[in-house]
Amino acid sequence: MRQTVAVGVIKGVEKTEGGSGKVTKAAQKVGTAPAGKKK
């Protein structure tokens, strides 16, 4: 559930920033860390 919320927030930021590559890279790193811990 936490991941879903984070993705929603990141998506909103990306839209506001205009799809910044930096935001996407940060989102990927944040999404990968919790995903691995959950496993």
N, C-alpha and C. Protein backbone atom coordinates (compact mmCIF):
# COMPACT_ATOMS: atom_id res chain seq x y z
N MET A 1 0.84 -1.20 0.00
CA MET A 1 0.00 0.00 0.00
C MET A 1 0.88 1.26 0.00
N ARG A 2 1.94 1.20 0.77
CA ARG A 2 2.84 2.36 0.84
C ARG A 2 3.41 2.66 -0.54
N GLN A 3 3.76 1.59 -1.26
CA GLN A 3 4.36 1.79 -2.58
C GLN A 3 3.36 2.50 -3.49
N THR A 4 2.10 2.06 -3.44
CA THR A 4 1.08 2.66 -4.31
C THR A 4 0.97 4.15 -4.03
N VAL A 5 0.96 4.52 -2.76
CA VAL A 5 0.86 5.93 -2.40
C VAL A 5 2.07 6.69 -2.96
N ALA A 6 3.26 6.11 -2.80
CA ALA A 6 4.48 6.76 -3.28
C ALA A 6 4.40 6.96 -4.79
N VAL A 7 3.95 5.93 -5.50
CA VAL A 7 3.85 6.01 -6.96
C VAL A 7 2.90 7.14 -7.34
N GLY A 8 1.78 7.25 -6.62
CA GLY A 8 0.81 8.31 -6.92
C GLY A 8 1.44 9.68 -6.71
N VAL A 9 2.16 9.83 -5.63
CA VAL A 9 2.80 11.12 -5.35
C VAL A 9 3.83 11.43 -6.42
N ILE A 10 4.63 10.44 -6.78
CA ILE A 10 5.68 10.63 -7.79
C ILE A 10 5.04 11.00 -9.12
N LYS A 11 3.96 10.32 -9.46
CA LYS A 11 3.28 10.60 -10.74
C LYS A 11 2.80 12.04 -10.75
N GLY A 12 2.26 12.49 -9.63
CA GLY A 12 1.78 13.86 -9.55
C GLY A 12 2.94 14.84 -9.70
N VAL A 13 4.05 14.55 -9.07
CA VAL A 13 5.22 15.44 -9.16
C VAL A 13 5.72 15.45 -10.60
N GLU A 14 5.75 14.29 -11.22
CA GLU A 14 6.23 14.20 -12.59
C GLU A 14 5.38 15.08 -13.50
N LYS A 15 4.07 15.05 -13.29
CA LYS A 15 3.17 15.84 -14.13
C LYS A 15 3.42 17.32 -13.90
N THR A 16 3.64 17.69 -12.65
CA THR A 16 3.88 19.09 -12.33
C THR A 16 5.23 19.55 -12.90
N GLU A 17 6.21 18.67 -12.82
CA GLU A 17 7.55 19.02 -13.31
C GLU A 17 7.62 18.92 -14.82
N GLY A 18 6.65 18.25 -15.41
CA GLY A 18 6.66 18.10 -16.87
C GLY A 18 7.43 16.85 -17.26
N GLY A 19 7.38 15.82 -16.43
CA GLY A 19 8.06 14.56 -16.77
C GLY A 19 9.57 14.72 -16.70
N SER A 20 10.06 15.15 -15.55
CA SER A 20 11.51 15.34 -15.39
C SER A 20 12.21 13.98 -15.26
N GLY A 21 13.33 13.81 -15.93
CA GLY A 21 14.05 12.54 -15.87
C GLY A 21 14.58 12.28 -14.46
N LYS A 22 14.97 13.35 -13.78
CA LYS A 22 15.52 13.19 -12.42
C LYS A 22 14.44 12.59 -11.50
N VAL A 23 13.23 13.05 -11.63
CA VAL A 23 12.14 12.54 -10.77
C VAL A 23 11.95 11.06 -11.05
N THR A 24 11.99 10.68 -12.32
CA THR A 24 11.77 9.26 -12.67
C THR A 24 12.88 8.40 -12.06
N LYS A 25 14.11 8.86 -12.16
CA LYS A 25 15.24 8.07 -11.62
C LYS A 25 15.08 7.93 -10.12
N ALA A 26 14.73 8.99 -9.44
CA ALA A 26 14.55 8.94 -7.98
C ALA A 26 13.40 8.01 -7.65
N ALA A 27 12.34 8.08 -8.42
CA ALA A 27 11.17 7.23 -8.17
C ALA A 27 11.56 5.76 -8.33
N GLN A 28 12.35 5.47 -9.34
CA GLN A 28 12.76 4.07 -9.57
C GLN A 28 13.58 3.57 -8.39
N LYS A 29 14.48 4.38 -7.90
CA LYS A 29 15.34 3.96 -6.77
C LYS A 29 14.47 3.74 -5.53
N VAL A 30 13.55 4.65 -5.28
CA VAL A 30 12.68 4.53 -4.10
C VAL A 30 11.78 3.31 -4.24
N GLY A 31 11.29 3.07 -5.45
CA GLY A 31 10.39 1.93 -5.66
C GLY A 31 11.14 0.60 -5.57
N THR A 32 12.40 0.59 -5.96
CA THR A 32 13.15 -0.67 -5.94
C THR A 32 13.53 -1.06 -4.50
N ALA A 33 13.87 -0.10 -3.68
CA ALA A 33 14.29 -0.42 -2.29
C ALA A 33 13.18 -1.12 -1.52
N PRO A 34 11.99 -0.54 -1.41
CA PRO A 34 10.91 -1.18 -0.63
C PRO A 34 10.49 -2.51 -1.27
N ALA A 35 10.48 -2.57 -2.57
CA ALA A 35 10.04 -3.80 -3.26
C ALA A 35 10.95 -4.96 -2.83
N GLY A 36 12.25 -4.72 -2.79
CA GLY A 36 13.17 -5.80 -2.41
C GLY A 36 13.00 -6.19 -0.95
N LYS A 37 12.73 -5.22 -0.11
CA LYS A 37 12.55 -5.52 1.32
C LYS A 37 11.28 -6.33 1.54
N LYS A 38 10.25 -6.03 0.79
CA LYS A 38 8.97 -6.74 0.94
C LYS A 38 9.15 -8.22 0.62
N LYS A 39 9.99 -8.49 -0.36
CA LYS A 39 10.21 -9.89 -0.77
C LYS A 39 10.88 -10.61 0.39
